[in-house]
Amino acid sequence: MATGCAAPGPRARRGMRRGLAGRSVPFSVCQPNVSGTSLAMGEYSESIVVHVPSDRLFAYLSDVEHLPSYMPRLTSVRPHEGDQVTVTARIEPADAPEHDVTSEAWVHVVEEGRSLEWAAPGPHDYRGRAHVDEGEDAGTCRLTVELHTGHTGEQVEHRLKEALSGIKQAVEKAER
């Protein structure tokens, strides 16, 4: 599987993940560079410090019904059996009027290692991983999101930062 990483090494991590049909499939993710921006075509990584304990952030993220509270384009999420979810989002395509789209996806919560993995089938090869680490200060944690998509450019980077900021605001507000 091509990842856009120049070569295997310290910035490439390979392994197995659970695919849409529940089978393990290979994956490879580029690791963050110093600036935390795009790593290769369609590969993005960004981190943010959140002022809540890591277990609380992980619990918040693990509840997929919270997605619309920090993903501004999502209007609804319906969990199904296992990791399957149905999501509806309001999109603004450049060549068509704004409209809602509904899609099937999966979100897998990995308790050990405090991470979430997700993917949505379709032409844009959209998948990602969120990982919660302990923060440097008591009561804080670091959230890192790695994203792979067929889309590229500043809009993807902006929306990734927007999602991280939304998560930070939503979970910190919930903790007050």
N, C-alpha and C. Protein backbone atom coordinates (compact mmCIF):
# COMPACT_ATOMS: atom_id res chain seq x y z
N MET A 1 0.85 -1.18 0.00
CA MET A 1 0.00 0.00 0.00
C MET A 1 0.89 1.23 0.00
N ALA A 2 0.69 2.13 -0.92
CA ALA A 2 1.47 3.36 -0.98
C ALA A 2 0.95 4.33 0.05
N THR A 3 1.86 5.01 0.72
CA THR A 3 1.43 5.94 1.76
C THR A 3 1.84 7.37 1.51
N GLY A 4 2.76 7.60 0.64
CA GLY A 4 3.24 8.94 0.46
C GLY A 4 4.46 9.22 1.31
N CYS A 5 4.85 8.33 2.20
CA CYS A 5 6.07 8.50 2.97
C CYS A 5 7.23 8.20 2.04
N ALA A 6 8.28 8.97 2.14
CA ALA A 6 9.41 8.80 1.23
C ALA A 6 10.01 7.42 1.34
N ALA A 7 10.20 6.94 2.53
CA ALA A 7 10.78 5.61 2.72
C ALA A 7 10.42 5.14 4.11
N PRO A 8 10.39 3.83 4.32
CA PRO A 8 10.15 3.36 5.68
C PRO A 8 11.24 3.89 6.60
N GLY A 9 10.88 4.18 7.79
CA GLY A 9 11.86 4.70 8.73
C GLY A 9 11.14 5.28 9.93
N PRO A 10 11.76 6.25 10.60
CA PRO A 10 11.17 6.77 11.82
C PRO A 10 9.84 7.48 11.61
N ARG A 11 9.55 7.95 10.38
CA ARG A 11 8.29 8.64 10.15
C ARG A 11 7.23 7.71 9.59
N ALA A 12 7.53 6.44 9.38
CA ALA A 12 6.52 5.51 8.86
C ALA A 12 6.25 4.43 9.90
N ARG A 13 4.99 4.14 10.13
CA ARG A 13 4.59 3.09 11.05
C ARG A 13 3.68 2.16 10.27
N ARG A 14 3.98 0.88 10.34
CA ARG A 14 3.18 -0.08 9.62
C ARG A 14 2.58 -1.07 10.60
N GLY A 15 1.46 -1.66 10.25
CA GLY A 15 0.83 -2.63 11.12
C GLY A 15 -0.44 -3.15 10.50
N MET A 16 -1.34 -3.60 11.35
CA MET A 16 -2.63 -4.11 10.89
C MET A 16 -3.72 -3.33 11.60
N ARG A 17 -4.82 -3.12 10.92
CA ARG A 17 -5.98 -2.49 11.53
C ARG A 17 -7.21 -3.24 11.05
N ARG A 18 -8.30 -2.99 11.72
CA ARG A 18 -9.55 -3.65 11.37
C ARG A 18 -10.19 -2.92 10.20
N GLY A 19 -10.50 -3.63 9.14
CA GLY A 19 -11.10 -3.04 7.95
C GLY A 19 -12.61 -3.01 8.04
N LEU A 20 -13.25 -2.52 6.99
CA LEU A 20 -14.70 -2.38 6.97
C LEU A 20 -15.43 -3.70 7.15
N ALA A 21 -14.87 -4.78 6.64
CA ALA A 21 -15.54 -6.08 6.76
C ALA A 21 -15.11 -6.81 8.02
N GLY A 22 -14.40 -6.13 8.93
CA GLY A 22 -13.97 -6.75 10.17
C GLY A 22 -12.68 -7.54 10.06
N ARG A 23 -12.09 -7.56 8.87
CA ARG A 23 -10.82 -8.26 8.67
C ARG A 23 -9.67 -7.32 8.97
N SER A 24 -8.54 -7.89 9.34
CA SER A 24 -7.35 -7.07 9.53
C SER A 24 -6.75 -6.77 8.17
N VAL A 25 -6.44 -5.51 7.95
CA VAL A 25 -5.84 -5.09 6.70
C VAL A 25 -4.60 -4.27 7.00
N PRO A 26 -3.60 -4.29 6.13
CA PRO A 26 -2.38 -3.54 6.41
C PRO A 26 -2.63 -2.03 6.34
N PHE A 27 -1.88 -1.29 7.15
CA PHE A 27 -1.92 0.15 7.03
C PHE A 27 -0.52 0.68 7.24
N SER A 28 -0.30 1.89 6.81
CA SER A 28 0.95 2.57 7.03
C SER A 28 0.63 4.04 7.22
N VAL A 29 1.15 4.63 8.27
CA VAL A 29 0.85 6.02 8.58
C VAL A 29 2.15 6.78 8.73
N CYS A 30 2.25 7.93 8.06
CA CYS A 30 3.42 8.79 8.25
C CYS A 30 3.34 9.41 9.63
N GLN A 31 4.44 9.52 10.30
CA GLN A 31 4.48 10.14 11.61
C GLN A 31 4.62 11.64 11.48
N PRO A 32 4.22 12.39 12.51
CA PRO A 32 4.23 13.84 12.42
C PRO A 32 5.62 14.41 12.16
N ASN A 33 5.64 15.48 11.35
CA ASN A 33 6.89 16.20 11.19
C ASN A 33 6.92 17.31 12.24
N VAL A 34 7.96 18.10 12.23
CA VAL A 34 8.14 19.09 13.27
C VAL A 34 7.02 20.12 13.29
N SER A 35 6.54 20.56 12.13
CA SER A 35 5.54 21.61 12.09
C SER A 35 4.12 21.11 12.35
N GLY A 36 3.89 19.81 12.22
CA GLY A 36 2.56 19.28 12.46
C GLY A 36 1.60 19.54 11.32
N THR A 37 2.10 19.82 10.12
CA THR A 37 1.23 20.04 8.97
C THR A 37 1.27 18.82 8.06
N SER A 38 0.92 19.01 6.80
CA SER A 38 0.85 17.84 5.92
C SER A 38 2.21 17.20 5.76
N LEU A 39 2.21 15.86 5.72
CA LEU A 39 3.44 15.10 5.64
C LEU A 39 3.73 14.64 4.23
N ALA A 40 2.72 14.30 3.50
CA ALA A 40 2.83 13.85 2.13
C ALA A 40 1.45 14.05 1.52
N MET A 41 1.35 13.87 0.23
CA MET A 41 0.07 14.10 -0.44
C MET A 41 -1.04 13.28 0.22
N GLY A 42 -2.02 13.95 0.82
CA GLY A 42 -3.14 13.28 1.44
C GLY A 42 -2.90 12.76 2.84
N GLU A 43 -1.73 12.98 3.41
CA GLU A 43 -1.39 12.54 4.77
C GLU A 43 -1.22 13.78 5.65
N TYR A 44 -1.97 13.82 6.76
CA TYR A 44 -1.93 14.98 7.65
C TYR A 44 -1.83 14.53 9.09
N SER A 45 -1.20 15.33 9.92
CA SER A 45 -1.12 15.06 11.35
C SER A 45 -1.08 16.39 12.09
N GLU A 46 -1.83 16.45 13.17
CA GLU A 46 -1.89 17.68 13.97
C GLU A 46 -2.14 17.29 15.41
N SER A 47 -1.61 18.06 16.35
CA SER A 47 -1.79 17.81 17.78
C SER A 47 -2.27 19.07 18.48
N ILE A 48 -2.91 18.86 19.64
CA ILE A 48 -3.37 19.98 20.45
C ILE A 48 -3.34 19.54 21.91
N VAL A 49 -3.02 20.49 22.80
CA VAL A 49 -3.07 20.23 24.24
C VAL A 49 -4.48 20.55 24.72
N VAL A 50 -5.05 19.61 25.48
CA VAL A 50 -6.40 19.76 26.00
C VAL A 50 -6.31 19.78 27.53
N HIS A 51 -7.00 20.72 28.15
CA HIS A 51 -6.91 20.91 29.60
C HIS A 51 -7.95 20.10 30.36
N VAL A 52 -7.87 18.78 30.18
CA VAL A 52 -8.65 17.81 30.94
C VAL A 52 -7.76 16.58 31.09
N PRO A 53 -8.02 15.74 32.08
CA PRO A 53 -7.24 14.50 32.20
C PRO A 53 -7.45 13.60 30.96
N SER A 54 -6.44 12.84 30.61
CA SER A 54 -6.49 12.02 29.41
C SER A 54 -7.63 11.01 29.42
N ASP A 55 -7.96 10.44 30.59
CA ASP A 55 -9.05 9.46 30.62
C ASP A 55 -10.39 10.11 30.29
N ARG A 56 -10.57 11.37 30.68
CA ARG A 56 -11.83 12.06 30.37
C ARG A 56 -11.93 12.39 28.89
N LEU A 57 -10.83 12.84 28.29
CA LEU A 57 -10.85 13.12 26.85
C LEU A 57 -11.12 11.83 26.08
N PHE A 58 -10.46 10.75 26.45
CA PHE A 58 -10.65 9.49 25.74
C PHE A 58 -12.10 9.01 25.88
N ALA A 59 -12.68 9.13 27.06
CA ALA A 59 -14.08 8.73 27.26
C ALA A 59 -15.01 9.58 26.38
N TYR A 60 -14.75 10.87 26.31
CA TYR A 60 -15.56 11.76 25.48
C TYR A 60 -15.48 11.36 24.01
N LEU A 61 -14.26 11.16 23.52
CA LEU A 61 -14.07 10.79 22.11
C LEU A 61 -14.63 9.41 21.79
N SER A 62 -14.62 8.51 22.76
CA SER A 62 -15.09 7.14 22.55
C SER A 62 -16.60 7.08 22.33
N ASP A 63 -17.32 8.10 22.72
CA ASP A 63 -18.77 8.15 22.51
C ASP A 63 -19.02 8.83 21.16
N VAL A 64 -19.28 8.03 20.12
CA VAL A 64 -19.42 8.59 18.77
C VAL A 64 -20.58 9.58 18.65
N GLU A 65 -21.53 9.51 19.57
CA GLU A 65 -22.64 10.45 19.50
C GLU A 65 -22.20 11.89 19.79
N HIS A 66 -20.98 12.07 20.30
CA HIS A 66 -20.45 13.42 20.51
C HIS A 66 -19.90 14.04 19.22
N LEU A 67 -19.73 13.25 18.16
CA LEU A 67 -19.12 13.77 16.93
C LEU A 67 -19.70 15.10 16.44
N PRO A 68 -21.01 15.26 16.34
CA PRO A 68 -21.52 16.55 15.84
C PRO A 68 -21.19 17.74 16.73
N SER A 69 -20.83 17.52 17.99
CA SER A 69 -20.49 18.65 18.86
C SER A 69 -19.14 19.26 18.52
N TYR A 70 -18.29 18.53 17.81
CA TYR A 70 -16.99 19.10 17.45
C TYR A 70 -16.65 18.98 15.97
N MET A 71 -17.51 18.36 15.19
CA MET A 71 -17.33 18.29 13.73
C MET A 71 -18.45 19.13 13.12
N PRO A 72 -18.18 20.39 12.80
CA PRO A 72 -19.25 21.31 12.43
C PRO A 72 -20.08 20.89 11.21
N ARG A 73 -19.54 20.09 10.33
CA ARG A 73 -20.31 19.69 9.15
C ARG A 73 -21.21 18.48 9.40
N LEU A 74 -20.93 17.74 10.48
CA LEU A 74 -21.77 16.57 10.80
C LEU A 74 -23.06 17.05 11.45
N THR A 75 -24.17 16.54 10.94
CA THR A 75 -25.46 16.91 11.51
C THR A 75 -26.07 15.78 12.32
N SER A 76 -25.65 14.54 12.05
CA SER A 76 -26.14 13.43 12.87
C SER A 76 -25.21 12.22 12.77
N VAL A 77 -25.27 11.41 13.82
CA VAL A 77 -24.51 10.15 13.88
C VAL A 77 -25.44 9.11 14.48
N ARG A 78 -25.54 7.97 13.82
CA ARG A 78 -26.34 6.86 14.34
C ARG A 78 -25.45 5.64 14.49
N PRO A 79 -25.11 5.27 15.72
CA PRO A 79 -24.31 4.06 15.92
C PRO A 79 -25.14 2.81 15.62
N HIS A 80 -24.47 1.79 15.11
CA HIS A 80 -25.09 0.50 14.84
C HIS A 80 -24.32 -0.56 15.61
N GLU A 81 -24.61 -1.79 15.35
CA GLU A 81 -23.91 -2.88 16.02
C GLU A 81 -22.41 -2.83 15.69
N GLY A 82 -21.60 -3.14 16.68
CA GLY A 82 -20.15 -3.16 16.48
C GLY A 82 -19.61 -1.76 16.27
N ASP A 83 -18.74 -1.61 15.30
CA ASP A 83 -18.07 -0.34 15.03
C ASP A 83 -18.78 0.49 13.96
N GLN A 84 -19.85 -0.01 13.40
CA GLN A 84 -20.52 0.66 12.29
C GLN A 84 -21.33 1.87 12.75
N VAL A 85 -21.28 2.94 11.95
CA VAL A 85 -22.06 4.14 12.21
C VAL A 85 -22.59 4.68 10.88
N THR A 86 -23.69 5.39 10.96
CA THR A 86 -24.21 6.14 9.82
C THR A 86 -24.07 7.60 10.18
N VAL A 87 -23.44 8.37 9.29
CA VAL A 87 -23.24 9.80 9.55
C VAL A 87 -23.90 10.61 8.44
N THR A 88 -24.41 11.77 8.81
CA THR A 88 -24.95 12.71 7.85
C THR A 88 -24.18 14.01 8.02
N ALA A 89 -23.75 14.57 6.90
CA ALA A 89 -22.97 15.81 6.92
C ALA A 89 -23.52 16.79 5.90
N ARG A 90 -23.39 18.05 6.20
CA ARG A 90 -23.75 19.13 5.29
C ARG A 90 -22.49 19.50 4.53
N ILE A 91 -22.51 19.34 3.20
CA ILE A 91 -21.31 19.63 2.41
C ILE A 91 -21.57 20.80 1.47
N GLU A 92 -20.48 21.44 1.05
CA GLU A 92 -20.53 22.60 0.17
C GLU A 92 -19.61 22.36 -1.02
N PRO A 93 -20.00 21.49 -1.96
CA PRO A 93 -19.13 21.23 -3.10
C PRO A 93 -18.98 22.47 -3.99
N ALA A 94 -17.82 22.59 -4.61
CA ALA A 94 -17.55 23.75 -5.46
C ALA A 94 -18.44 23.79 -6.69
N ASP A 95 -18.85 22.61 -7.16
CA ASP A 95 -19.59 22.53 -8.42
C ASP A 95 -21.08 22.21 -8.24
N ALA A 96 -21.59 22.34 -7.01
CA ALA A 96 -23.00 22.02 -6.76
C ALA A 96 -23.48 22.81 -5.55
N PRO A 97 -24.80 22.92 -5.38
CA PRO A 97 -25.31 23.61 -4.19
C PRO A 97 -25.04 22.82 -2.91
N GLU A 98 -25.03 23.52 -1.80
CA GLU A 98 -24.86 22.89 -0.49
C GLU A 98 -25.97 21.86 -0.29
N HIS A 99 -25.60 20.69 0.26
CA HIS A 99 -26.60 19.66 0.50
C HIS A 99 -26.10 18.66 1.54
N ASP A 100 -27.01 17.82 2.03
CA ASP A 100 -26.67 16.78 3.01
C ASP A 100 -26.29 15.49 2.29
N VAL A 101 -25.31 14.79 2.85
CA VAL A 101 -24.95 13.46 2.37
C VAL A 101 -24.92 12.52 3.57
N THR A 102 -25.34 11.29 3.35
CA THR A 102 -25.34 10.28 4.39
C THR A 102 -24.44 9.15 3.94
N SER A 103 -23.63 8.65 4.87
CA SER A 103 -22.66 7.61 4.53
C SER A 103 -22.50 6.63 5.68
N GLU A 104 -22.13 5.44 5.34
CA GLU A 104 -21.77 4.44 6.35
C GLU A 104 -20.28 4.58 6.63
N ALA A 105 -19.88 4.33 7.85
CA ALA A 105 -18.47 4.39 8.24
C ALA A 105 -18.27 3.44 9.41
N TRP A 106 -17.05 3.37 9.89
CA TRP A 106 -16.80 2.63 11.12
C TRP A 106 -15.86 3.44 12.00
N VAL A 107 -16.04 3.29 13.29
CA VAL A 107 -15.17 3.91 14.30
C VAL A 107 -14.82 2.80 15.27
N HIS A 108 -13.54 2.54 15.42
CA HIS A 108 -13.07 1.48 16.30
C HIS A 108 -12.34 2.11 17.48
N VAL A 109 -12.82 1.83 18.68
CA VAL A 109 -12.19 2.34 19.90
C VAL A 109 -11.18 1.31 20.38
N VAL A 110 -9.93 1.76 20.55
CA VAL A 110 -8.85 0.90 21.01
C VAL A 110 -8.50 1.33 22.43
N GLU A 111 -9.08 0.62 23.42
CA GLU A 111 -8.89 1.00 24.82
C GLU A 111 -7.40 1.02 25.19
N GLU A 112 -6.71 -0.08 24.86
CA GLU A 112 -5.29 -0.15 25.16
C GLU A 112 -4.56 0.78 24.19
N GLY A 113 -3.92 1.79 24.71
CA GLY A 113 -3.27 2.77 23.86
C GLY A 113 -4.10 4.02 23.64
N ARG A 114 -5.34 4.02 24.14
CA ARG A 114 -6.23 5.18 24.07
C ARG A 114 -6.25 5.82 22.68
N SER A 115 -6.76 5.05 21.71
CA SER A 115 -6.87 5.60 20.37
C SER A 115 -8.19 5.21 19.73
N LEU A 116 -8.55 5.94 18.72
CA LEU A 116 -9.72 5.66 17.91
C LEU A 116 -9.26 5.61 16.46
N GLU A 117 -9.81 4.69 15.72
CA GLU A 117 -9.52 4.60 14.29
C GLU A 117 -10.85 4.68 13.57
N TRP A 118 -10.85 5.26 12.37
CA TRP A 118 -12.10 5.38 11.62
C TRP A 118 -11.80 5.35 10.14
N ALA A 119 -12.85 5.06 9.39
CA ALA A 119 -12.77 5.09 7.93
C ALA A 119 -14.17 5.20 7.37
N ALA A 120 -14.24 5.77 6.19
CA ALA A 120 -15.50 5.86 5.45
C ALA A 120 -15.21 5.41 4.02
N PRO A 121 -15.98 4.46 3.51
CA PRO A 121 -15.73 4.01 2.15
C PRO A 121 -16.06 5.11 1.16
N GLY A 122 -15.43 5.05 0.02
CA GLY A 122 -15.72 6.03 -1.02
C GLY A 122 -14.49 6.38 -1.81
N PRO A 123 -14.63 7.28 -2.73
CA PRO A 123 -13.55 7.60 -3.66
C PRO A 123 -12.38 8.38 -3.04
N HIS A 124 -12.55 8.89 -1.82
CA HIS A 124 -11.50 9.75 -1.24
C HIS A 124 -10.59 9.04 -0.25
N ASP A 125 -10.77 7.73 -0.07
CA ASP A 125 -9.91 6.94 0.81
C ASP A 125 -9.73 7.62 2.16
N TYR A 126 -10.83 8.00 2.79
CA TYR A 126 -10.82 8.75 4.04
C TYR A 126 -10.70 7.82 5.23
N ARG A 127 -9.64 8.00 6.01
CA ARG A 127 -9.44 7.22 7.23
C ARG A 127 -8.52 8.01 8.16
N GLY A 128 -8.54 7.62 9.44
CA GLY A 128 -7.70 8.34 10.37
C GLY A 128 -7.58 7.63 11.70
N ARG A 129 -6.82 8.28 12.56
CA ARG A 129 -6.56 7.76 13.90
C ARG A 129 -6.38 8.95 14.84
N ALA A 130 -7.01 8.86 16.00
CA ALA A 130 -6.82 9.85 17.07
C ALA A 130 -6.19 9.13 18.25
N HIS A 131 -5.20 9.75 18.85
CA HIS A 131 -4.49 9.14 19.97
C HIS A 131 -4.39 10.15 21.11
N VAL A 132 -4.71 9.70 22.32
CA VAL A 132 -4.68 10.55 23.51
C VAL A 132 -3.47 10.15 24.36
N ASP A 133 -2.59 11.10 24.63
CA ASP A 133 -1.42 10.89 25.49
C ASP A 133 -1.52 11.77 26.73
N GLU A 134 -0.85 11.35 27.79
CA GLU A 134 -0.78 12.18 28.99
C GLU A 134 -0.11 13.51 28.64
N GLY A 135 -0.54 14.59 29.30
CA GLY A 135 0.07 15.90 29.08
C GLY A 135 1.28 16.09 29.95
N GLU A 136 1.99 17.16 29.69
CA GLU A 136 3.17 17.48 30.50
C GLU A 136 2.78 17.98 31.88
N ASP A 137 1.61 18.60 32.00
CA ASP A 137 1.13 19.12 33.27
C ASP A 137 -0.03 18.28 33.77
N ALA A 138 -0.20 18.24 35.09
CA ALA A 138 -1.33 17.50 35.68
C ALA A 138 -2.64 18.06 35.13
N GLY A 139 -3.56 17.17 34.81
CA GLY A 139 -4.86 17.59 34.33
C GLY A 139 -4.90 17.99 32.87
N THR A 140 -3.81 17.71 32.13
CA THR A 140 -3.80 18.01 30.70
C THR A 140 -3.44 16.75 29.92
N CYS A 141 -3.75 16.78 28.64
CA CYS A 141 -3.36 15.68 27.76
C CYS A 141 -3.10 16.23 26.36
N ARG A 142 -2.53 15.40 25.51
CA ARG A 142 -2.26 15.79 24.13
C ARG A 142 -3.06 14.87 23.22
N LEU A 143 -3.82 15.47 22.32
CA LEU A 143 -4.58 14.74 21.31
C LEU A 143 -3.87 14.91 19.98
N THR A 144 -3.55 13.79 19.34
CA THR A 144 -2.94 13.80 18.02
C THR A 144 -3.88 13.09 17.05
N VAL A 145 -4.14 13.73 15.92
CA VAL A 145 -4.98 13.13 14.89
C VAL A 145 -4.15 12.97 13.63
N GLU A 146 -4.15 11.76 13.10
CA GLU A 146 -3.51 11.44 11.83
C GLU A 146 -4.63 11.18 10.83
N LEU A 147 -4.56 11.79 9.68
CA LEU A 147 -5.64 11.72 8.70
C LEU A 147 -5.08 11.38 7.34
N HIS A 148 -5.75 10.48 6.66
CA HIS A 148 -5.43 10.17 5.27
C HIS A 148 -6.68 10.41 4.44
N THR A 149 -6.54 11.16 3.38
CA THR A 149 -7.67 11.44 2.51
C THR A 149 -7.17 11.67 1.09
N GLY A 150 -8.04 11.42 0.14
CA GLY A 150 -7.71 11.70 -1.26
C GLY A 150 -7.69 13.19 -1.55
N HIS A 151 -8.25 14.00 -0.64
CA HIS A 151 -8.21 15.46 -0.79
C HIS A 151 -6.87 15.97 -0.29
N THR A 152 -6.42 17.07 -0.85
CA THR A 152 -5.18 17.70 -0.40
C THR A 152 -5.39 19.21 -0.33
N GLY A 153 -4.48 19.86 0.35
CA GLY A 153 -4.47 21.31 0.34
C GLY A 153 -4.79 21.95 1.67
N GLU A 154 -4.80 23.27 1.62
CA GLU A 154 -4.99 24.07 2.83
C GLU A 154 -6.36 23.85 3.45
N GLN A 155 -7.38 23.55 2.65
CA GLN A 155 -8.72 23.34 3.20
C GLN A 155 -8.73 22.12 4.13
N VAL A 156 -8.01 21.05 3.77
CA VAL A 156 -7.95 19.87 4.62
C VAL A 156 -7.24 20.22 5.92
N GLU A 157 -6.11 20.92 5.82
CA GLU A 157 -5.38 21.33 7.01
C GLU A 157 -6.24 22.22 7.90
N HIS A 158 -6.98 23.14 7.29
CA HIS A 158 -7.86 24.04 8.06
C HIS A 158 -8.94 23.24 8.79
N ARG A 159 -9.56 22.29 8.09
CA ARG A 159 -10.64 21.51 8.71
C ARG A 159 -10.12 20.58 9.81
N LEU A 160 -8.90 20.08 9.66
CA LEU A 160 -8.30 19.25 10.71
C LEU A 160 -8.07 20.10 11.96
N LYS A 161 -7.51 21.28 11.78
CA LYS A 161 -7.30 22.18 12.92
C LYS A 161 -8.63 22.61 13.53
N GLU A 162 -9.63 22.83 12.69
CA GLU A 162 -10.96 23.20 13.16
C GLU A 162 -11.56 22.07 14.02
N ALA A 163 -11.39 20.83 13.59
CA ALA A 163 -11.89 19.69 14.36
C ALA A 163 -11.18 19.58 15.70
N LEU A 164 -9.85 19.72 15.71
CA LEU A 164 -9.11 19.65 16.97
C LEU A 164 -9.54 20.76 17.93
N SER A 165 -9.69 21.95 17.40
CA SER A 165 -10.14 23.06 18.23
C SER A 165 -11.54 22.80 18.76
N GLY A 166 -12.41 22.23 17.93
CA GLY A 166 -13.77 21.89 18.36
C GLY A 166 -13.78 20.86 19.46
N ILE A 167 -12.91 19.85 19.34
CA ILE A 167 -12.80 18.82 20.39
C ILE A 167 -12.36 19.47 21.69
N LYS A 168 -11.31 20.28 21.61
CA LYS A 168 -10.77 20.94 22.81
C LYS A 168 -11.86 21.78 23.48
N GLN A 169 -12.55 22.60 22.71
CA GLN A 169 -13.59 23.46 23.28
C GLN A 169 -14.73 22.64 23.87
N ALA A 170 -15.19 21.61 23.15
CA ALA A 170 -16.33 20.82 23.62
C ALA A 170 -16.02 20.06 24.89
N VAL A 171 -14.86 19.41 24.96
CA VAL A 171 -14.56 18.59 26.14
C VAL A 171 -14.19 19.48 27.34
N GLU A 172 -13.49 20.58 27.11
CA GLU A 172 -13.17 21.48 28.21
C GLU A 172 -14.45 22.11 28.76
N LYS A 173 -15.39 22.46 27.89
CA LYS A 173 -16.67 23.02 28.33
C LYS A 173 -17.46 21.98 29.13
N ALA A 174 -17.44 20.72 28.67
CA ALA A 174 -18.17 19.65 29.36
C ALA A 174 -17.59 19.39 30.75
N GLU A 175 -16.33 19.71 30.94
CA GLU A 175 -15.66 19.47 32.23
C GLU A 175 -15.88 20.60 33.23
N ARG A 176 -16.38 21.72 32.80
CA ARG A 176 -16.58 22.87 33.71
C ARG A 176 -17.71 22.64 34.66
